[in-house]
């Protein structure tokens, strides 16, 4: 995301949706290398099933998960969303076998 666009979004939020933690928001680039990711819909308790699917996909493509470290990107606020409709992007790094 370009820095100018990020500043524009933050300025809009300060005016239209002020929030006490807004000043702590950071935009930064994360270099993760090769990854497998998927959108998980449902409770966070069900994520292990999605991770197994992702690992099977990776293996079928000749890839192996590097570690149990992963990223979760919440597409819907879990505090305001029913568990069965929560949406999360799950991502982990891989390397060729």
PDB file of N, CA and C in Angstrom:
ATOM      1  N   UNK A   1       0.853  -1.158   0.000  1.00  0.00           N
ATOM      2  CA  UNK A   1       0.000   0.000   0.000  1.00  0.00           C
ATOM      3  C   UNK A   1       0.900   1.222   0.000  1.00  0.00           C
ATOM      4  N   UNK A   2       0.601   2.166  -0.831  1.00  0.00           N
ATOM      5  CA  UNK A   2       1.404   3.375  -0.887  1.00  0.00           C
ATOM      6  C   UNK A   2       1.179   4.226   0.346  1.00  0.00           C
ATOM      7  N   UNK A   3       2.246   4.874   0.801  1.00  0.00           N
ATOM      8  CA  UNK A   3       2.181   5.674   2.023  1.00  0.00           C
ATOM      9  C   UNK A   3       1.164   6.812   1.898  1.00  0.00           C
ATOM     10  N   UNK A   4       1.088   7.461   0.751  1.00  0.00           N
ATOM     11  CA  UNK A   4       0.150   8.580   0.583  1.00  0.00           C
ATOM     12  C   UNK A   4      -1.291   8.102   0.725  1.00  0.00           C
ATOM     13  N   UNK A   5      -1.597   6.949   0.139  1.00  0.00           N
ATOM     14  CA  UNK A   5      -2.954   6.393   0.243  1.00  0.00           C
ATOM     15  C   UNK A   5      -3.266   6.031   1.689  1.00  0.00           C
ATOM     16  N   UNK A   6      -2.295   5.440   2.384  1.00  0.00           N
ATOM     17  CA  UNK A   6      -2.498   5.078   3.789  1.00  0.00           C
ATOM     18  C   UNK A   6      -2.766   6.323   4.624  1.00  0.00           C
ATOM     19  N   UNK A   7      -2.022   7.398   4.392  1.00  0.00           N
ATOM     20  CA  UNK A   7      -2.257   8.646   5.130  1.00  0.00           C
ATOM     21  C   UNK A   7      -3.644   9.202   4.837  1.00  0.00           C
ATOM     22  N   UNK A   8      -4.069   9.109   3.587  1.00  0.00           N
ATOM     23  CA  UNK A   8      -5.395   9.589   3.196  1.00  0.00           C
ATOM     24  C   UNK A   8      -6.489   8.812   3.941  1.00  0.00           C
ATOM     25  N   UNK A   9      -6.351   7.514   4.024  1.00  0.00           N
ATOM     26  CA  UNK A   9      -7.328   6.688   4.742  1.00  0.00           C
ATOM     27  C   UNK A   9      -7.341   7.049   6.226  1.00  0.00           C
ATOM     28  N   UNK A  10      -6.172   7.194   6.832  1.00  0.00           N
ATOM     29  CA  UNK A  10      -6.104   7.557   8.250  1.00  0.00           C
ATOM     30  C   UNK A  10      -6.739   8.921   8.510  1.00  0.00           C
ATOM     31  N   UNK A  11      -6.490   9.883   7.623  1.00  0.00           N
ATOM     32  CA  UNK A  11      -7.109  11.208   7.780  1.00  0.00           C
ATOM     33  C   UNK A  11      -8.630  11.105   7.714  1.00  0.00           C
ATOM     34  N   UNK A  12      -9.134  10.314   6.779  1.00  0.00           N
ATOM     35  CA  UNK A  12     -10.590  10.145   6.655  1.00  0.00           C
ATOM     36  C   UNK A  12     -11.156   9.505   7.927  1.00  0.00           C
ATOM     37  N   UNK A  13     -10.478   8.491   8.425  1.00  0.00           N
ATOM     38  CA  UNK A  13     -10.941   7.815   9.634  1.00  0.00           C
ATOM     39  C   UNK A  13     -10.952   8.741  10.844  1.00  0.00           C
ATOM     40  N   UNK A  14      -9.933   9.571  10.973  1.00  0.00           N
ATOM     41  CA  UNK A  14      -9.892  10.508  12.106  1.00  0.00           C
ATOM     42  C   UNK A  14     -11.116  11.418  12.104  1.00  0.00           C
ATOM     43  N   UNK A  15     -11.570  11.805  10.925  1.00  0.00           N
ATOM     44  CA  UNK A  15     -12.716  12.705  10.792  1.00  0.00           C
ATOM     45  C   UNK A  15     -14.040  11.975  10.941  1.00  0.00           C
ATOM     46  N   UNK A  16     -14.172  10.817  10.287  1.00  0.00           N
ATOM     47  CA  UNK A  16     -15.467  10.139  10.198  1.00  0.00           C
ATOM     48  C   UNK A  16     -15.676   9.017  11.210  1.00  0.00           C
ATOM     49  N   UNK A  17     -14.626   8.386  11.646  1.00  0.00           N
ATOM     50  CA  UNK A  17     -14.739   7.238  12.561  1.00  0.00           C
ATOM     51  C   UNK A  17     -13.641   7.304  13.618  1.00  0.00           C
ATOM     52  N   UNK A  18     -13.612   8.361  14.410  1.00  0.00           N
ATOM     53  CA  UNK A  18     -12.537   8.462  15.398  1.00  0.00           C
ATOM     54  C   UNK A  18     -12.535   7.260  16.342  1.00  0.00           C
ATOM     55  N   UNK A  19     -11.332   6.816  16.670  1.00  0.00           N
ATOM     56  CA  UNK A  19     -11.181   5.661  17.553  1.00  0.00           C
ATOM     57  C   UNK A  19      -9.940   5.879  18.410  1.00  0.00           C
ATOM     58  N   UNK A  20      -9.994   5.463  19.663  1.00  0.00           N
ATOM     59  CA  UNK A  20      -8.859   5.726  20.558  1.00  0.00           C
ATOM     60  C   UNK A  20      -7.548   5.062  20.122  1.00  0.00           C
ATOM     61  N   UNK A  21      -7.603   3.959  19.414  1.00  0.00           N
ATOM     62  CA  UNK A  21      -6.378   3.251  19.017  1.00  0.00           C
ATOM     63  C   UNK A  21      -5.893   3.617  17.617  1.00  0.00           C
ATOM     64  N   UNK A  22      -6.581   4.539  16.964  1.00  0.00           N
ATOM     65  CA  UNK A  22      -6.253   4.887  15.579  1.00  0.00           C
ATOM     66  C   UNK A  22      -4.804   5.353  15.422  1.00  0.00           C
ATOM     67  N   UNK A  23      -4.291   6.071  16.409  1.00  0.00           N
ATOM     68  CA  UNK A  23      -2.917   6.576  16.299  1.00  0.00           C
ATOM     69  C   UNK A  23      -1.874   5.470  16.400  1.00  0.00           C
ATOM     70  N   UNK A  24      -2.292   4.279  16.790  1.00  0.00           N
ATOM     71  CA  UNK A  24      -1.356   3.156  16.869  1.00  0.00           C
ATOM     72  C   UNK A  24      -1.317   2.332  15.583  1.00  0.00           C
ATOM     73  N   UNK A  25      -2.178   2.660  14.618  1.00  0.00           N
ATOM     74  CA  UNK A  25      -2.215   1.922  13.356  1.00  0.00           C
ATOM     75  C   UNK A  25      -0.904   2.121  12.617  1.00  0.00           C
ATOM     76  N   UNK A  26      -0.378   1.020  12.096  1.00  0.00           N
ATOM     77  CA  UNK A  26       0.859   1.055  11.326  1.00  0.00           C
ATOM     78  C   UNK A  26       0.641   0.374   9.983  1.00  0.00           C
ATOM     79  N   UNK A  27       1.187   0.950   8.951  1.00  0.00           N
ATOM     80  CA  UNK A  27       1.201   0.319   7.644  1.00  0.00           C
ATOM     81  C   UNK A  27       2.657  -0.009   7.349  1.00  0.00           C
ATOM     82  N   UNK A  28       2.905  -1.286   7.100  1.00  0.00           N
ATOM     83  CA  UNK A  28       4.264  -1.688   6.786  1.00  0.00           C
ATOM     84  C   UNK A  28       4.231  -2.862   5.833  1.00  0.00           C
ATOM     85  N   UNK A  29       5.302  -3.004   5.105  1.00  0.00           N
ATOM     86  CA  UNK A  29       5.428  -4.099   4.154  1.00  0.00           C
ATOM     87  C   UNK A  29       6.040  -5.291   4.867  1.00  0.00           C
ATOM     88  N   UNK A  30       5.470  -6.453   4.628  1.00  0.00           N
ATOM     89  CA  UNK A  30       5.981  -7.680   5.220  1.00  0.00           C
ATOM     90  C   UNK A  30       6.435  -8.589   4.075  1.00  0.00           C
ATOM     91  N   UNK A  31       7.711  -8.892   4.050  1.00  0.00           N
ATOM     92  CA  UNK A  31       8.253  -9.780   3.018  1.00  0.00           C
ATOM     93  C   UNK A  31       8.204 -11.205   3.557  1.00  0.00           C
ATOM     94  N   UNK A  32       7.285 -11.993   3.054  1.00  0.00           N
ATOM     95  CA  UNK A  32       7.101 -13.350   3.569  1.00  0.00           C
ATOM     96  C   UNK A  32       7.633 -14.433   2.635  1.00  0.00           C
ATOM     97  N   UNK A  33       7.962 -14.075   1.431  1.00  0.00           N
ATOM     98  CA  UNK A  33       8.404 -15.094   0.499  1.00  0.00           C
ATOM     99  C   UNK A  33       7.224 -15.900  -0.025  1.00  0.00           C
ATOM    100  N   UNK A  34       7.471 -17.135  -0.406  1.00  0.00           N
ATOM    101  CA  UNK A  34       6.419 -17.987  -0.955  1.00  0.00           C
ATOM    102  C   UNK A  34       5.491 -18.452   0.160  1.00  0.00           C
ATOM    103  N   UNK A  35       4.190 -18.324  -0.089  1.00  0.00           N
ATOM    104  CA  UNK A  35       3.195 -18.666   0.930  1.00  0.00           C
ATOM    105  C   UNK A  35       2.016 -19.408   0.313  1.00  0.00           C
ATOM    106  N   UNK A  36       1.308 -20.096   1.172  1.00  0.00           N
ATOM    107  CA  UNK A  36      -0.005 -20.647   0.845  1.00  0.00           C
ATOM    108  C   UNK A  36      -0.973 -19.918   1.758  1.00  0.00           C
ATOM    109  N   UNK A  37      -2.098 -19.500   1.198  1.00  0.00           N
ATOM    110  CA  UNK A  37      -3.094 -18.829   2.019  1.00  0.00           C
ATOM    111  C   UNK A  37      -4.488 -19.225   1.572  1.00  0.00           C
ATOM    112  N   UNK A  38      -5.435 -19.054   2.474  1.00  0.00           N
ATOM    113  CA  UNK A  38      -6.832 -19.294   2.128  1.00  0.00           C
ATOM    114  C   UNK A  38      -7.711 -18.435   3.013  1.00  0.00           C
ATOM    115  N   UNK A  39      -8.921 -18.218   2.567  1.00  0.00           N
ATOM    116  CA  UNK A  39      -9.914 -17.515   3.374  1.00  0.00           C
ATOM    117  C   UNK A  39     -10.679 -18.556   4.169  1.00  0.00           C
ATOM    118  N   UNK A  40     -10.614 -18.428   5.471  1.00  0.00           N
ATOM    119  CA  UNK A  40     -11.322 -19.330   6.374  1.00  0.00           C
ATOM    120  C   UNK A  40     -12.614 -18.641   6.794  1.00  0.00           C
ATOM    121  N   UNK A  41     -13.737 -19.313   6.622  1.00  0.00           N
ATOM    122  CA  UNK A  41     -15.033 -18.791   7.060  1.00  0.00           C
ATOM    123  C   UNK A  41     -15.523 -19.676   8.188  1.00  0.00           C
ATOM    124  N   UNK A  42     -15.795 -19.071   9.325  1.00  0.00           N
ATOM    125  CA  UNK A  42     -16.289 -19.817  10.466  1.00  0.00           C
ATOM    126  C   UNK A  42     -15.496 -19.511  11.717  1.00  0.00           C
ATOM    127  N   UNK A  43     -15.780 -20.255  12.744  1.00  0.00           N
ATOM    128  CA  UNK A  43     -15.161 -20.066  14.050  1.00  0.00           C
ATOM    129  C   UNK A  43     -13.649 -20.279  13.983  1.00  0.00           C
ATOM    130  N   UNK A  44     -12.947 -19.528  14.818  1.00  0.00           N
ATOM    131  CA  UNK A  44     -11.497 -19.718  14.913  1.00  0.00           C
ATOM    132  C   UNK A  44     -11.166 -21.106  15.447  1.00  0.00           C
ATOM    133  N   UNK A  45     -12.091 -21.710  16.168  1.00  0.00           N
ATOM    134  CA  UNK A  45     -11.876 -23.069  16.677  1.00  0.00           C
ATOM    135  C   UNK A  45     -11.758 -24.086  15.539  1.00  0.00           C
ATOM    136  N   UNK A  46     -12.285 -23.749  14.358  1.00  0.00           N
ATOM    137  CA  UNK A  46     -12.266 -24.656  13.211  1.00  0.00           C
ATOM    138  C   UNK A  46     -11.059 -24.440  12.296  1.00  0.00           C
ATOM    139  N   UNK A  47     -10.168 -23.524  12.646  1.00  0.00           N
ATOM    140  CA  UNK A  47      -9.020 -23.240  11.787  1.00  0.00           C
ATOM    141  C   UNK A  47      -8.100 -24.437  11.563  1.00  0.00           C
ATOM    142  N   UNK A  48      -7.911 -25.346  12.521  1.00  0.00           N
ATOM    143  CA  UNK A  48      -7.039 -26.497  12.251  1.00  0.00           C
ATOM    144  C   UNK A  48      -7.453 -27.285  11.003  1.00  0.00           C
ATOM    145  N   UNK A  49      -8.752 -27.375  10.742  1.00  0.00           N
ATOM    146  CA  UNK A  49      -9.220 -28.066   9.532  1.00  0.00           C
ATOM    147  C   UNK A  49      -8.733 -27.334   8.289  1.00  0.00           C
ATOM    148  N   UNK A  50      -8.815 -26.011   8.298  1.00  0.00           N
ATOM    149  CA  UNK A  50      -8.343 -25.225   7.152  1.00  0.00           C
ATOM    150  C   UNK A  50      -6.838 -25.377   6.979  1.00  0.00           C
ATOM    151  N   UNK A  51      -6.093 -25.380   8.082  1.00  0.00           N
ATOM    152  CA  UNK A  51      -4.645 -25.557   7.977  1.00  0.00           C
ATOM    153  C   UNK A  51      -4.298 -26.928   7.396  1.00  0.00           C
ATOM    154  N   UNK A  52      -5.044 -27.956   7.755  1.00  0.00           N
ATOM    155  CA  UNK A  52      -4.799 -29.287   7.167  1.00  0.00           C
ATOM    156  C   UNK A  52      -5.059 -29.256   5.657  1.00  0.00           C
ATOM    157  N   UNK A  53      -6.114 -28.562   5.243  1.00  0.00           N
ATOM    158  CA  UNK A  53      -6.406 -28.436   3.807  1.00  0.00           C
ATOM    159  C   UNK A  53      -5.276 -27.689   3.098  1.00  0.00           C
ATOM    160  N   UNK A  54      -4.785 -26.632   3.718  1.00  0.00           N
ATOM    161  CA  UNK A  54      -3.699 -25.855   3.127  1.00  0.00           C
ATOM    162  C   UNK A  54      -2.422 -26.687   3.015  1.00  0.00           C
ATOM    163  N   UNK A  55      -2.122 -27.458   4.050  1.00  0.00           N
ATOM    164  CA  UNK A  55      -0.932 -28.306   4.026  1.00  0.00           C
ATOM    165  C   UNK A  55      -1.048 -29.387   2.957  1.00  0.00           C
ATOM    166  N   UNK A  56      -2.239 -29.959   2.775  1.00  0.00           N
ATOM    167  CA  UNK A  56      -2.461 -30.959   1.727  1.00  0.00           C
ATOM    168  C   UNK A  56      -2.288 -30.323   0.349  1.00  0.00           C
ATOM    169  N   UNK A  57      -2.813 -29.118   0.179  1.00  0.00           N
ATOM    170  CA  UNK A  57      -2.659 -28.394  -1.086  1.00  0.00           C
ATOM    171  C   UNK A  57      -1.174 -28.156  -1.373  1.00  0.00           C
ATOM    172  N   UNK A  58      -0.455 -27.680  -0.357  1.00  0.00           N
ATOM    173  CA  UNK A  58       0.968 -27.404  -0.528  1.00  0.00           C
ATOM    174  C   UNK A  58       1.716 -28.667  -0.948  1.00  0.00           C
ATOM    175  N   UNK A  59       1.446 -29.762  -0.257  1.00  0.00           N
ATOM    176  CA  UNK A  59       2.121 -31.022  -0.576  1.00  0.00           C
ATOM    177  C   UNK A  59       1.820 -31.462  -2.003  1.00  0.00           C
ATOM    178  N   UNK A  60       0.575 -31.312  -2.436  1.00  0.00           N
ATOM    179  CA  UNK A  60       0.193 -31.691  -3.804  1.00  0.00           C
ATOM    180  C   UNK A  60       0.921 -30.840  -4.846  1.00  0.00           C
ATOM    181  N   UNK A  61       1.337 -29.651  -4.455  1.00  0.00           N
ATOM    182  CA  UNK A  61       2.053 -28.739  -5.364  1.00  0.00           C
ATOM    183  C   UNK A  61       3.564 -28.830  -5.197  1.00  0.00           C
ATOM    184  N   UNK A  62       4.029 -29.810  -4.403  1.00  0.00           N
ATOM    185  CA  UNK A  62       5.468 -29.978  -4.207  1.00  0.00           C
ATOM    186  C   UNK A  62       6.062 -28.968  -3.243  1.00  0.00           C
ATOM    187  N   UNK A  63       5.272 -28.532  -2.291  1.00  0.00           N
ATOM    188  CA  UNK A  63       5.719 -27.542  -1.312  1.00  0.00           C
ATOM    189  C   UNK A  63       5.596 -28.107   0.088  1.00  0.00           C
ATOM    190  N   UNK A  64       6.362 -27.541   1.017  1.00  0.00           N
ATOM    191  CA  UNK A  64       6.275 -27.955   2.408  1.00  0.00           C
ATOM    192  C   UNK A  64       6.207 -26.717   3.291  1.00  0.00           C
ATOM    193  N   UNK A  65       5.379 -26.791   4.287  1.00  0.00           N
ATOM    194  CA  UNK A  65       5.243 -25.699   5.258  1.00  0.00           C
ATOM    195  C   UNK A  65       6.559 -25.569   6.020  1.00  0.00           C
ATOM    196  N   UNK A  66       7.038 -24.333   6.179  1.00  0.00           N
ATOM    197  CA  UNK A  66       8.323 -24.108   6.853  1.00  0.00           C
ATOM    198  C   UNK A  66       8.235 -24.250   8.363  1.00  0.00           C
ATOM    199  N   UNK A  67       7.131 -23.806   8.961  1.00  0.00           N
ATOM    200  CA  UNK A  67       6.989 -23.878  10.418  1.00  0.00           C
ATOM    201  C   UNK A  67       5.515 -23.714  10.772  1.00  0.00           C
ATOM    202  N   UNK A  68       5.215 -23.819  12.038  1.00  0.00           N
ATOM    203  CA  UNK A  68       3.836 -23.611  12.500  1.00  0.00           C
ATOM    204  C   UNK A  68       3.498 -22.128  12.645  1.00  0.00           C
ATOM    205  N   UNK A  69       4.482 -21.259  12.428  1.00  0.00           N
ATOM    206  CA  UNK A  69       4.231 -19.815  12.451  1.00  0.00           C
ATOM    207  C   UNK A  69       3.311 -19.475  11.282  1.00  0.00           C
ATOM    208  N   UNK A  70       2.323 -18.652  11.534  1.00  0.00           N
ATOM    209  CA  UNK A  70       1.397 -18.270  10.479  1.00  0.00           C
ATOM    210  C   UNK A  70       0.860 -16.873  10.741  1.00  0.00           C
ATOM    211  N   UNK A  71       0.165 -16.321   9.758  1.00  0.00           N
ATOM    212  CA  UNK A  71      -0.481 -15.014   9.891  1.00  0.00           C
ATOM    213  C   UNK A  71      -1.984 -15.214   9.792  1.00  0.00           C
ATOM    214  N   UNK A  72      -2.691 -14.370  10.527  1.00  0.00           N
ATOM    215  CA  UNK A  72      -4.149 -14.332  10.456  1.00  0.00           C
ATOM    216  C   UNK A  72      -4.549 -12.894  10.181  1.00  0.00           C
ATOM    217  N   UNK A  73      -5.329 -12.696   9.139  1.00  0.00           N
ATOM    218  CA  UNK A  73      -5.826 -11.369   8.776  1.00  0.00           C
ATOM    219  C   UNK A  73      -7.334 -11.420   8.930  1.00  0.00           C
ATOM    220  N   UNK A  74      -7.846 -10.670   9.871  1.00  0.00           N
ATOM    221  CA  UNK A  74      -9.281 -10.704  10.175  1.00  0.00           C
ATOM    222  C   UNK A  74     -10.033  -9.787   9.219  1.00  0.00           C
ATOM    223  N   UNK A  75     -10.919 -10.377   8.410  1.00  0.00           N
ATOM    224  CA  UNK A  75     -11.689  -9.614   7.443  1.00  0.00           C
ATOM    225  C   UNK A  75     -12.974  -9.056   8.054  1.00  0.00           C
ATOM    226  N   UNK A  76     -13.416  -9.648   9.123  1.00  0.00           N
ATOM    227  CA  UNK A  76     -14.582  -9.162   9.863  1.00  0.00           C
ATOM    228  C   UNK A  76     -14.189  -9.089  11.333  1.00  0.00           C
ATOM    229  N   UNK A  77     -14.692  -8.094  12.017  1.00  0.00           N
ATOM    230  CA  UNK A  77     -14.367  -7.897  13.426  1.00  0.00           C
ATOM    231  C   UNK A  77     -14.968  -9.030  14.253  1.00  0.00           C
ATOM    232  N   UNK A  78     -14.128  -9.885  14.860  1.00  0.00           N
ATOM    233  CA  UNK A  78     -14.661 -11.023  15.615  1.00  0.00           C
ATOM    234  C   UNK A  78     -15.501 -10.606  16.825  1.00  0.00           C
ATOM    235  N   UNK A  79     -15.323  -9.376  17.283  1.00  0.00           N
ATOM    236  CA  UNK A  79     -16.125  -8.906  18.418  1.00  0.00           C
ATOM    237  C   UNK A  79     -17.558  -8.583  18.008  1.00  0.00           C
ATOM    238  N   UNK A  80     -17.760  -8.390  16.691  1.00  0.00           N
ATOM    239  CA  UNK A  80     -19.072  -7.976  16.199  1.00  0.00           C
ATOM    240  C   UNK A  80     -19.691  -8.981  15.237  1.00  0.00           C
ATOM    241  N   UNK A  81     -19.055 -10.112  15.055  1.00  0.00           N
ATOM    242  CA  UNK A  81     -19.492 -11.081  14.052  1.00  0.00           C
ATOM    243  C   UNK A  81     -19.751 -12.428  14.716  1.00  0.00           C
ATOM    244  N   UNK A  82     -20.841 -13.048  14.348  1.00  0.00           N
ATOM    245  CA  UNK A  82     -21.147 -14.385  14.870  1.00  0.00           C
ATOM    246  C   UNK A  82     -20.031 -15.346  14.462  1.00  0.00           C
ATOM    247  N   UNK A  83     -19.672 -16.279  15.335  1.00  0.00           N
ATOM    248  CA  UNK A  83     -18.560 -17.191  15.032  1.00  0.00           C
ATOM    249  C   UNK A  83     -18.695 -17.912  13.691  1.00  0.00           C
ATOM    250  N   UNK A  84     -19.892 -18.311  13.308  1.00  0.00           N
ATOM    251  CA  UNK A  84     -20.048 -19.070  12.061  1.00  0.00           C
ATOM    252  C   UNK A  84     -19.905 -18.209  10.809  1.00  0.00           C
ATOM    253  N   UNK A  85     -19.868 -16.880  10.943  1.00  0.00           N
ATOM    254  CA  UNK A  85     -19.707 -16.008   9.769  1.00  0.00           C
ATOM    255  C   UNK A  85     -18.400 -15.214   9.808  1.00  0.00           C
ATOM    256  N   UNK A  86     -17.531 -15.495  10.768  1.00  0.00           N
ATOM    257  CA  UNK A  86     -16.239 -14.816  10.815  1.00  0.00           C
ATOM    258  C   UNK A  86     -15.428 -15.188   9.586  1.00  0.00           C
ATOM    259  N   UNK A  87     -14.610 -14.244   9.118  1.00  0.00           N
ATOM    260  CA  UNK A  87     -13.765 -14.485   7.948  1.00  0.00           C
ATOM    261  C   UNK A  87     -12.337 -14.076   8.279  1.00  0.00           C
ATOM    262  N   UNK A  88     -11.413 -14.995   8.011  1.00  0.00           N
ATOM    263  CA  UNK A  88     -10.006 -14.789   8.328  1.00  0.00           C
ATOM    264  C   UNK A  88      -9.156 -15.316   7.181  1.00  0.00           C
ATOM    265  N   UNK A  89      -8.170 -14.543   6.772  1.00  0.00           N
ATOM    266  CA  UNK A  89      -7.184 -15.048   5.819  1.00  0.00           C
ATOM    267  C   UNK A  89      -6.100 -15.732   6.637  1.00  0.00           C
ATOM    268  N   UNK A  90      -5.830 -16.979   6.322  1.00  0.00           N
ATOM    269  CA  UNK A  90      -4.772 -17.756   6.977  1.00  0.00           C
ATOM    270  C   UNK A  90      -3.619 -17.897   5.992  1.00  0.00           C
ATOM    271  N   UNK A  91      -2.390 -17.703   6.464  1.00  0.00           N
ATOM    272  CA  UNK A  91      -1.242 -17.752   5.563  1.00  0.00           C
ATOM    273  C   UNK A  91      -0.033 -18.331   6.294  1.00  0.00           C
ATOM    274  N   UNK A  92       0.709 -19.203   5.584  1.00  0.00           N
ATOM    275  CA  UNK A  92       1.984 -19.679   6.127  1.00  0.00           C
ATOM    276  C   UNK A  92       3.001 -19.798   4.999  1.00  0.00           C
ATOM    277  N   UNK A  93       4.284 -19.723   5.368  1.00  0.00           N
ATOM    278  CA  UNK A  93       5.357 -19.812   4.394  1.00  0.00           C
ATOM    279  C   UNK A  93       5.608 -21.253   3.976  1.00  0.00           C
ATOM    280  N   UNK A  94       6.039 -21.402   2.729  1.00  0.00           N
ATOM    281  CA  UNK A  94       6.365 -22.723   2.188  1.00  0.00           C
ATOM    282  C   UNK A  94       7.669 -22.668   1.411  1.00  0.00           C
ATOM    283  N   UNK A  95       8.219 -23.855   1.153  1.00  0.00           N
ATOM    284  CA  UNK A  95       9.375 -23.972   0.267  1.00  0.00           C
ATOM    285  C   UNK A  95       9.197 -25.226  -0.576  1.00  0.00           C
ATOM    286  N   UNK A  96       9.881 -25.254  -1.714  1.00  0.00           N
ATOM    287  CA  UNK A  96       9.802 -26.431  -2.580  1.00  0.00           C
ATOM    288  C   UNK A  96      10.456 -27.618  -1.897  1.00  0.00           C
ATOM    289  N   UNK A  97       9.843 -28.789  -2.099  1.00  0.00           N
ATOM    290  CA  UNK A  97      10.388 -30.023  -1.518  1.00  0.00           C
ATOM    291  C   UNK A  97      11.563 -30.475  -2.356  1.00  0.00           C
TER     292      UNK A  97
END
